[in-house]
Amino acid sequence: MKGRMDMVSGPLLGKILAVALPLAATSILQQLFNSADFAVVGRYVGSEALAAVGSNGPIINIIINLFVGMSVGGNVVVATLIGQGKEDELSDAVHTIMAVAVAGGVALIFAGIFLSRLILSWISTPDDVMPLATEYLRIFFCGMPFSTFYNFGSAILRSKGDTKRPLAALIVSGIVNVALNMLLVVVFKMGVAGVALATVAAQAVSATMVCFFMMGEKGAMKFSFRRLSFRKKHLLWMMRVGLPSGVQGMVFSFSNICIQSAINTFGSQAMAGSAAALNYEYYTFFVTSAFSQTAVTFTSQNYGAREFGRCRRVAFLCLVCGTFLTAVEAVAFSVFREFFMGVYTDDPVALDYAVRRTMCVEFFEYMPGIYEIPAGCMRALGVSMLPSVIVLIGSCFLRLLWIRFVFPSNRSWELLLSIYPLTWVITIAAMGIAFFVVMRRRLR
């Protein structure tokens, strides 16, 4: 159909890059605008406010990752139907996926408002940070319907190879975010509330643009609010693929909350330094995520079209390109760590914590791609539970054991953070074995 990228024939590398690079740019740009929040707060409000915003990251990610995982399921459903040529089912699938986005986003408003302070208390948020952290989190959750709509809508557009229009929406919303940050925080002195309100407004802009893009689609992929419904077949299909991925993301974020709780014991300056370094880890990981999502889309379409040889080539090309680009990023951020960390804070103690975290974590940040991309390929083949279990054990459960039994023996910054590269190595080994077994069984 006109407007769709042909993923099931012709050269692959150029098409993979045409999808993955705008997708990576979208995520990096999104994080860049989020980083603007940190920079404005750190420079114009102070370390306590920066710690308040930064400590909310793992909590926000727990909820967002559930729905991002579900959107991966939606991507697989739509891309597979496109590959199979089942135009008659596409419309029902699209509107079921978006119904989940709308309902889930509205539910999150109420959950966030009533549970924010309780959740923050669970991660040992210091008393001097608690009021600001609670204020930020409650306002942030008011924008969740916009966030879920944008993510699910982008997943649907991505299933046909369209990653440029979601990027355009994000550029516009990012400009709005930065402008409102300066207005509300610098001019009107609204502190973390101003940052949160700017974020919600920006999310509303990106969701609105994606909505218009989808309403302007032709044929079966055209979106209409009147057609929102829950079709059992497509809902269960999406949940079968997306729910394990979403739960993995939630538990993964929960393990990060436990690590954040341990980080909090070092004080607000350590929290601020960790939040600064974490921004660059996000920049690197989003390239990995882009190639993983690209692998999902290309593998789904080719698997639906029964082009098994192309499925193998997709996995290889995404793995090589993703690992190479993330390695370049990791080295760059590590070599020039003092400069990059100094963008967010001029507090010498916070800066020291940030620099030390960079060498413990960011330097090895190319490693997650070596298991995330094969995991994406397996999900596209309909095997979603196995890679999720591997990640849960390798990168979540082992981290919890480390915090519970190893870290208390020597409560040092480096010992706490060394759990990241250690668990990545274990997860890579397990995922590699599973990947070869699944590919051999499914693609024959």
Protein backbone atom coordinates (compact mmCIF):
# COMPACT_ATOMS: atom_id res chain seq x y z
CA MET A 1 0.00 0.00 0.00
CA LYS A 2 1.16 3.52 -0.77
CA GLY A 3 3.09 5.15 2.04
CA ARG A 4 4.42 1.90 3.49
CA MET A 5 8.04 0.82 3.37
CA ASP A 6 8.58 -2.51 1.61
CA MET A 7 10.36 -4.51 4.31
CA VAL A 8 9.90 -7.95 2.75
CA SER A 9 11.94 -7.47 -0.43
CA GLY A 10 15.02 -5.62 -1.62
CA PRO A 11 18.18 -4.56 0.27
CA LEU A 12 17.84 -4.47 4.06
CA LEU A 13 20.64 -2.32 5.46
CA GLY A 14 19.47 1.00 4.06
CA LYS A 15 15.89 0.37 5.14
CA ILE A 16 16.92 -0.70 8.63
CA LEU A 17 18.97 2.47 9.06
CA ALA A 18 16.13 4.56 7.60
CA VAL A 19 13.86 3.28 10.39
CA ALA A 20 16.33 2.90 13.26
CA LEU A 21 18.17 6.22 13.02
CA PRO A 22 15.06 8.46 13.14
CA LEU A 23 13.76 6.23 15.93
CA ALA A 24 17.02 6.64 17.83
CA ALA A 25 16.93 10.37 17.15
CA THR A 26 13.38 10.47 18.52
CA SER A 27 14.35 8.80 21.78
CA ILE A 28 17.59 10.76 22.16
CA LEU A 29 15.80 14.01 21.41
CA GLN A 30 13.13 13.11 23.95
CA GLN A 31 15.81 12.49 26.54
CA LEU A 32 17.62 15.66 25.50
CA PHE A 33 14.51 17.64 26.28
CA ASN A 34 14.17 15.74 29.56
CA SER A 35 17.79 16.65 30.23
CA ALA A 36 16.84 20.27 29.71
CA ASP A 37 14.52 19.81 32.68
CA PHE A 38 17.46 18.63 34.77
CA ALA A 39 19.73 21.41 33.56
CA VAL A 40 17.17 24.13 34.28
CA VAL A 41 16.35 22.70 37.71
CA GLY A 42 20.00 22.16 38.62
CA ARG A 43 21.09 25.62 37.52
CA TYR A 44 18.13 27.75 38.60
CA VAL A 45 16.56 25.89 41.55
CA GLY A 46 19.26 23.80 43.26
CA SER A 47 20.59 20.34 44.13
CA GLU A 48 17.58 19.38 46.26
CA ALA A 49 15.20 20.11 43.40
CA LEU A 50 17.47 18.23 40.98
CA ALA A 51 17.48 15.26 43.35
CA ALA A 52 13.67 15.45 43.60
CA VAL A 53 13.23 15.30 39.82
CA GLY A 54 15.96 12.67 39.32
CA SER A 55 14.71 10.32 42.04
CA ASN A 56 11.35 10.11 40.27
CA GLY A 57 12.92 8.59 37.15
CA PRO A 58 12.77 4.90 38.15
CA ILE A 59 9.20 5.30 39.46
CA ILE A 60 8.00 6.91 36.25
CA ASN A 61 9.78 4.25 34.22
CA ILE A 62 7.99 1.42 36.03
CA ILE A 63 4.64 2.63 34.73
CA ILE A 64 5.80 3.84 31.35
CA ASN A 65 7.68 0.60 30.64
CA LEU A 66 4.51 -1.44 31.13
CA PHE A 67 2.77 0.51 28.40
CA VAL A 68 5.83 0.78 26.18
CA GLY A 69 6.06 -3.01 26.41
CA MET A 70 2.41 -3.29 25.49
CA SER A 71 3.02 -0.99 22.54
CA VAL A 72 5.70 -3.42 21.34
CA GLY A 73 2.93 -6.01 21.26
CA GLY A 74 0.85 -3.62 19.19
CA ASN A 75 3.77 -3.12 16.81
CA VAL A 76 4.12 -6.88 16.33
CA VAL A 77 0.38 -7.31 15.70
CA VAL A 78 0.13 -4.55 13.08
CA ALA A 79 3.45 -5.36 11.36
CA THR A 80 2.59 -9.07 11.15
CA LEU A 81 -0.82 -8.32 9.65
CA ILE A 82 0.85 -6.05 7.10
CA GLY A 83 3.33 -8.81 6.23
CA GLN A 84 0.49 -11.31 5.88
CA GLY A 85 -1.49 -8.88 3.72
CA LYS A 86 -4.56 -9.05 6.00
CA GLU A 87 -5.89 -5.56 5.37
CA ASP A 88 -9.35 -6.53 6.62
CA GLU A 89 -8.06 -7.04 10.19
CA LEU A 90 -5.80 -3.99 10.36
CA SER A 91 -8.46 -1.46 11.34
CA ASP A 92 -9.75 -3.56 14.24
CA ALA A 93 -6.19 -4.09 15.46
CA VAL A 94 -5.32 -0.38 15.29
CA HIS A 95 -8.40 0.70 17.24
CA THR A 96 -7.99 -2.01 19.87
CA ILE A 97 -4.41 -0.92 20.46
CA MET A 98 -5.37 2.73 20.80
CA ALA A 99 -8.27 1.87 23.12
CA VAL A 100 -5.74 0.29 25.48
CA ALA A 101 -3.62 3.45 25.25
CA VAL A 102 -6.51 5.77 26.14
CA ALA A 103 -7.93 3.63 28.96
CA GLY A 104 -4.51 2.94 30.45
CA GLY A 105 -3.47 6.58 30.38
CA VAL A 106 -6.61 7.75 32.18
CA ALA A 107 -6.22 5.05 34.86
CA LEU A 108 -2.65 6.18 35.50
CA ILE A 109 -3.78 9.71 36.39
CA PHE A 110 -5.65 8.46 39.43
CA ALA A 111 -3.00 5.93 40.41
CA GLY A 112 -0.28 8.57 40.26
CA ILE A 113 -2.16 11.21 42.22
CA PHE A 114 -3.09 8.93 45.11
CA LEU A 115 0.03 6.75 45.33
CA SER A 116 2.90 9.17 44.61
CA ARG A 117 3.92 9.94 48.19
CA LEU A 118 3.57 6.32 49.28
CA ILE A 119 5.80 5.08 46.45
CA LEU A 120 8.41 7.75 47.14
CA SER A 121 8.51 6.67 50.78
CA TRP A 122 9.20 3.08 49.69
CA ILE A 123 12.46 4.12 48.02
CA SER A 124 13.70 5.98 51.08
CA THR A 125 13.37 9.45 49.57
CA PRO A 126 15.00 11.84 52.08
CA ASP A 127 12.72 14.16 54.04
CA ASP A 128 14.33 17.26 52.52
CA VAL A 129 13.50 16.02 49.01
CA MET A 130 10.06 14.43 49.63
CA PRO A 131 7.77 17.50 49.20
CA LEU A 132 9.30 18.53 45.88
CA ALA A 133 9.49 14.94 44.60
CA THR A 134 5.81 14.34 45.43
CA GLU A 135 4.74 17.58 43.77
CA TYR A 136 6.63 16.75 40.58
CA LEU A 137 5.36 13.17 40.37
CA ARG A 138 1.69 14.05 40.84
CA ILE A 139 1.76 16.69 38.13
CA PHE A 140 3.71 14.40 35.80
CA PHE A 141 1.10 11.64 36.05
CA CYS A 142 -1.60 14.05 34.88
CA GLY A 143 0.05 13.89 31.46
CA MET A 144 0.09 10.09 31.20
CA PRO A 145 -2.86 9.84 28.73
CA PHE A 146 -0.83 11.97 26.31
CA SER A 147 2.26 9.84 26.87
CA THR A 148 0.49 6.52 26.27
CA PHE A 149 -1.31 7.88 23.20
CA TYR A 150 1.95 9.09 21.69
CA ASN A 151 3.81 5.83 22.40
CA PHE A 152 1.08 3.51 21.10
CA GLY A 153 0.36 5.72 18.11
CA SER A 154 4.06 5.89 17.26
CA ALA A 155 4.29 2.09 17.50
CA ILE A 156 1.50 1.75 14.95
CA LEU A 157 3.13 4.23 12.57
CA ARG A 158 6.47 2.48 13.08
CA SER A 159 4.95 -0.86 12.06
CA LYS A 160 4.78 0.42 8.47
CA GLY A 161 8.21 2.04 8.57
CA ASP A 162 7.11 5.57 9.48
CA THR A 163 9.51 6.90 12.12
CA LYS A 164 9.95 10.41 10.71
CA ARG A 165 6.57 11.85 11.62
CA PRO A 166 6.78 10.79 15.29
CA LEU A 167 10.21 12.43 15.28
CA ALA A 168 8.70 15.63 13.88
CA ALA A 169 6.05 15.59 16.61
CA LEU A 170 8.72 15.21 19.23
CA ILE A 171 10.80 18.08 17.84
CA VAL A 172 7.83 20.42 18.08
CA SER A 173 6.86 19.23 21.56
CA GLY A 174 10.48 19.49 22.68
CA ILE A 175 10.68 23.12 21.62
CA VAL A 176 7.48 23.75 23.58
CA ASN A 177 9.00 21.97 26.58
CA VAL A 178 12.20 24.03 26.59
CA ALA A 179 10.33 27.31 26.09
CA LEU A 180 7.92 26.57 28.93
CA ASN A 181 10.78 25.45 31.17
CA MET A 182 12.44 28.82 30.79
CA LEU A 183 9.16 30.68 31.23
CA LEU A 184 7.79 28.79 34.23
CA VAL A 185 11.03 28.09 36.08
CA VAL A 186 13.32 31.02 35.24
CA VAL A 187 10.75 33.80 34.81
CA PHE A 188 7.86 32.76 37.09
CA LYS A 189 10.04 30.89 39.62
CA MET A 190 7.68 27.88 39.81
CA GLY A 191 10.46 25.37 40.57
CA VAL A 192 9.80 21.66 40.03
CA ALA A 193 6.08 22.34 39.48
CA GLY A 194 7.00 24.48 36.48
CA VAL A 195 9.19 21.72 35.05
CA ALA A 196 6.41 19.15 35.48
CA LEU A 197 3.79 21.41 33.88
CA ALA A 198 6.09 22.09 30.92
CA THR A 199 6.53 18.33 30.45
CA VAL A 200 2.77 17.68 30.51
CA ALA A 201 2.14 20.45 27.98
CA ALA A 202 4.82 19.06 25.67
CA GLN A 203 3.34 15.55 25.92
CA ALA A 204 -0.05 16.98 24.94
CA VAL A 205 1.47 18.55 21.83
CA SER A 206 3.20 15.34 20.67
CA ALA A 207 0.08 13.23 21.30
CA THR A 208 -2.10 15.68 19.36
CA MET A 209 0.24 15.63 16.37
CA VAL A 210 0.41 11.83 16.29
CA CYS A 211 -3.38 11.74 16.54
CA PHE A 212 -3.69 13.97 13.46
CA PHE A 213 -1.14 11.83 11.59
CA MET A 214 -3.15 8.69 12.31
CA MET A 215 -6.47 10.32 11.41
CA GLY A 216 -4.91 11.32 8.08
CA GLU A 217 -3.90 7.74 7.20
CA LYS A 218 -5.51 6.08 4.21
CA GLY A 219 -7.34 2.77 4.22
CA ALA A 220 -7.31 0.29 7.09
CA MET A 221 -4.83 2.21 9.25
CA LYS A 222 -6.96 5.37 9.42
CA PHE A 223 -7.77 6.23 13.05
CA SER A 224 -11.10 7.46 14.43
CA PHE A 225 -12.10 7.93 18.08
CA ARG A 226 -15.56 6.62 17.20
CA ARG A 227 -14.11 3.23 16.31
CA LEU A 228 -12.23 2.69 19.57
CA SER A 229 -13.10 -0.77 20.85
CA PHE A 230 -11.61 -3.87 22.42
CA ARG A 231 -11.48 -6.75 19.94
CA LYS A 232 -10.72 -9.93 21.84
CA LYS A 233 -8.50 -11.52 19.19
CA HIS A 234 -6.20 -8.55 18.75
CA LEU A 235 -6.24 -7.61 22.44
CA LEU A 236 -5.11 -11.10 23.47
CA TRP A 237 -2.50 -11.19 20.69
CA MET A 238 -1.09 -7.85 21.76
CA MET A 239 -1.08 -8.88 25.42
CA ARG A 240 0.56 -12.23 24.68
CA VAL A 241 3.50 -10.43 23.07
CA GLY A 242 3.45 -7.11 24.88
CA LEU A 243 2.55 -8.02 28.45
CA PRO A 244 5.69 -10.10 29.16
CA SER A 245 7.76 -7.28 27.67
CA GLY A 246 5.90 -4.72 29.75
CA VAL A 247 6.18 -6.71 32.96
CA GLN A 248 9.89 -7.16 32.24
CA GLY A 249 10.22 -3.40 31.92
CA MET A 250 8.30 -2.86 35.15
CA VAL A 251 10.35 -5.32 37.16
CA PHE A 252 13.53 -4.00 35.56
CA SER A 253 12.56 -0.53 36.71
CA PHE A 254 11.68 -1.93 40.13
CA SER A 255 15.21 -3.26 40.44
CA ASN A 256 16.43 0.22 39.49
CA ILE A 257 14.23 1.63 42.25
CA CYS A 258 15.97 -0.68 44.70
CA ILE A 259 19.31 0.58 43.39
CA GLN A 260 17.98 4.13 43.62
CA SER A 261 17.03 3.43 47.23
CA ALA A 262 20.63 2.38 47.90
CA ILE A 263 21.89 5.49 46.07
CA ASN A 264 19.63 7.64 48.25
CA THR A 265 21.53 6.48 51.34
CA PHE A 266 24.58 8.42 50.07
CA GLY A 267 22.64 11.70 50.32
CA SER A 268 21.14 14.33 48.01
CA GLN A 269 24.47 15.16 46.31
CA ALA A 270 24.97 11.53 45.30
CA MET A 271 21.37 11.48 44.06
CA ALA A 272 22.02 14.59 41.97
CA GLY A 273 25.26 13.18 40.54
CA SER A 274 23.63 9.86 39.74
CA ALA A 275 20.72 11.62 38.01
CA ALA A 276 23.17 13.60 35.87
CA ALA A 277 25.13 10.51 34.79
CA LEU A 278 21.94 8.56 34.15
CA ASN A 279 20.96 11.00 31.41
CA TYR A 280 23.92 9.90 29.28
CA GLU A 281 23.19 6.25 29.94
CA TYR A 282 19.75 6.92 28.51
CA TYR A 283 21.26 8.51 25.40
CA THR A 284 23.27 5.37 24.76
CA PHE A 285 20.57 2.88 25.61
CA PHE A 286 18.04 4.57 23.32
CA VAL A 287 20.20 3.66 20.32
CA THR A 288 20.05 0.05 21.49
CA SER A 289 16.29 0.37 21.94
CA ALA A 290 15.89 1.83 18.45
CA PHE A 291 17.60 -1.12 16.79
CA SER A 292 15.69 -3.55 19.01
CA GLN A 293 12.37 -1.99 17.98
CA THR A 294 13.48 -1.94 14.35
CA ALA A 295 14.31 -5.63 14.62
CA VAL A 296 10.81 -6.24 15.98
CA THR A 297 9.15 -4.45 13.07
CA PHE A 298 11.25 -5.94 10.27
CA THR A 299 11.21 -9.44 11.73
CA SER A 300 7.42 -9.32 12.26
CA GLN A 301 6.72 -8.32 8.67
CA ASN A 302 9.13 -10.85 7.19
CA TYR A 303 7.94 -13.61 9.50
CA GLY A 304 4.36 -12.84 8.48
CA ALA A 305 5.44 -13.03 4.83
CA ARG A 306 7.41 -16.25 5.60
CA GLU A 307 10.70 -14.69 4.45
CA PHE A 308 12.76 -16.62 7.01
CA GLY A 309 16.15 -15.89 5.46
CA ARG A 310 15.50 -12.17 5.73
CA CYS A 311 14.55 -12.61 9.39
CA ARG A 312 18.06 -13.91 10.07
CA ARG A 313 19.67 -11.04 8.14
CA VAL A 314 17.57 -8.51 10.05
CA ALA A 315 18.85 -9.90 13.35
CA PHE A 316 22.48 -9.80 12.20
CA LEU A 317 22.36 -6.27 10.76
CA CYS A 318 20.52 -4.78 13.73
CA LEU A 319 22.92 -6.41 16.19
CA VAL A 320 26.07 -5.22 14.38
CA CYS A 321 24.83 -1.67 13.75
CA GLY A 322 23.33 -1.23 17.21
CA THR A 323 26.37 -2.52 19.09
CA PHE A 324 28.82 -0.44 17.05
CA LEU A 325 26.95 2.84 17.48
CA THR A 326 26.37 2.37 21.21
CA ALA A 327 30.04 1.52 21.72
CA VAL A 328 31.00 4.79 20.04
CA GLU A 329 28.64 6.70 22.33
CA ALA A 330 29.82 4.92 25.46
CA VAL A 331 33.47 5.66 24.75
CA ALA A 332 32.78 9.32 23.92
CA PHE A 333 30.78 9.98 27.08
CA SER A 334 33.37 8.18 29.20
CA VAL A 335 36.44 9.91 27.77
CA PHE A 336 34.90 13.39 28.10
CA ARG A 337 32.98 12.56 31.28
CA GLU A 338 33.91 15.66 33.28
CA PHE A 339 32.69 17.98 30.54
CA PHE A 340 29.41 16.14 30.00
CA MET A 341 28.62 15.80 33.70
CA GLY A 342 29.38 19.47 34.23
CA VAL A 343 26.46 20.38 31.99
CA TYR A 344 24.03 19.40 34.75
CA THR A 345 25.71 20.44 37.96
CA ASP A 346 28.55 22.58 39.25
CA ASP A 347 28.39 21.08 42.74
CA PRO A 348 31.87 19.47 43.12
CA VAL A 349 30.62 16.59 45.28
CA ALA A 350 27.71 15.78 42.96
CA LEU A 351 30.09 16.04 39.99
CA ASP A 352 32.46 13.52 41.59
CA TYR A 353 29.64 11.02 42.07
CA ALA A 354 28.54 11.54 38.45
CA VAL A 355 32.04 10.99 37.03
CA ARG A 356 32.55 7.83 39.06
CA ARG A 357 29.20 6.43 37.95
CA THR A 358 30.12 7.09 34.33
CA MET A 359 33.17 4.83 34.52
CA CYS A 360 31.27 2.10 36.36
CA VAL A 361 28.19 2.02 34.12
CA GLU A 362 28.27 4.18 30.97
CA PHE A 363 31.60 2.77 29.78
CA PHE A 364 29.90 -0.64 29.43
CA GLU A 365 26.58 0.65 28.09
CA TYR A 366 27.05 -1.03 24.69
CA MET A 367 26.43 -4.41 26.33
CA PRO A 368 22.60 -4.30 26.74
CA GLY A 369 22.17 -4.23 22.96
CA ILE A 370 23.79 -7.64 22.67
CA TYR A 371 20.79 -9.14 24.48
CA GLU A 372 18.02 -6.59 23.78
CA ILE A 373 18.15 -6.94 19.99
CA PRO A 374 17.93 -10.77 19.99
CA ALA A 375 15.10 -10.44 22.52
CA GLY A 376 13.25 -8.16 20.10
CA CYS A 377 13.65 -10.69 17.29
CA MET A 378 12.26 -13.46 19.49
CA ARG A 379 9.22 -11.36 20.42
CA ALA A 380 8.55 -10.73 16.74
CA LEU A 381 8.52 -14.50 16.23
CA GLY A 382 5.86 -14.85 18.93
CA VAL A 383 8.23 -15.90 21.72
CA SER A 384 7.90 -13.16 24.31
CA MET A 385 7.91 -14.91 27.67
CA LEU A 386 11.37 -16.54 27.38
CA PRO A 387 13.43 -13.36 26.75
CA SER A 388 11.46 -11.57 29.47
CA VAL A 389 12.24 -14.29 32.00
CA ILE A 390 15.93 -14.20 31.07
CA VAL A 391 16.11 -10.44 31.57
CA LEU A 392 14.13 -10.65 34.80
CA ILE A 393 16.56 -13.17 36.25
CA GLY A 394 19.78 -11.83 34.77
CA SER A 395 19.27 -8.09 35.10
CA CYS A 396 16.67 -7.81 37.86
CA PHE A 397 16.67 -10.68 40.35
CA LEU A 398 20.47 -10.85 40.54
CA ARG A 399 20.63 -7.09 41.18
CA LEU A 400 18.21 -7.43 44.08
CA LEU A 401 20.37 -10.20 45.55
CA TRP A 402 23.45 -8.00 45.13
CA ILE A 403 21.83 -5.12 46.99
CA ARG A 404 20.54 -7.41 49.71
CA PHE A 405 23.63 -9.53 50.39
CA VAL A 406 26.76 -8.04 48.74
CA PHE A 407 26.41 -4.26 48.99
CA PRO A 408 25.88 -4.19 52.80
CA SER A 409 29.29 -5.82 53.27
CA ASN A 410 31.06 -2.77 51.80
CA ARG A 411 28.80 0.20 51.18
CA SER A 412 30.93 1.84 48.49
CA TRP A 413 29.73 3.69 45.39
CA GLU A 414 31.76 1.51 43.03
CA LEU A 415 30.60 -1.78 44.56
CA LEU A 416 26.97 -0.73 44.26
CA LEU A 417 27.26 0.24 40.59
CA SER A 418 29.41 -2.71 39.50
CA ILE A 419 26.26 -4.82 39.46
CA TYR A 420 25.33 -3.31 36.08
CA PRO A 421 28.15 -4.72 33.89
CA LEU A 422 28.21 -7.97 35.89
CA THR A 423 24.53 -8.74 35.26
CA TRP A 424 24.79 -7.65 31.63
CA VAL A 425 27.43 -10.32 30.99
CA ILE A 426 25.24 -13.02 32.55
CA THR A 427 22.16 -11.90 30.62
CA ILE A 428 24.05 -11.84 27.31
CA ALA A 429 25.18 -15.44 27.79
CA ALA A 430 21.69 -16.73 28.61
CA MET A 431 19.98 -14.71 25.87
CA GLY A 432 22.48 -15.87 23.25
CA ILE A 433 21.68 -19.52 23.92
CA ALA A 434 17.93 -18.89 23.87
CA PHE A 435 18.16 -16.84 20.67
CA PHE A 436 19.91 -19.55 18.66
CA VAL A 437 17.47 -22.21 19.88
CA VAL A 438 14.39 -20.11 19.06
CA MET A 439 15.67 -19.03 15.64
CA ARG A 440 16.49 -22.61 14.74
CA ARG A 441 13.04 -23.88 15.71
CA ARG A 442 10.90 -21.04 14.36
CA LEU A 443 12.68 -20.37 11.07
CA ARG A 444 12.57 -23.75 9.41
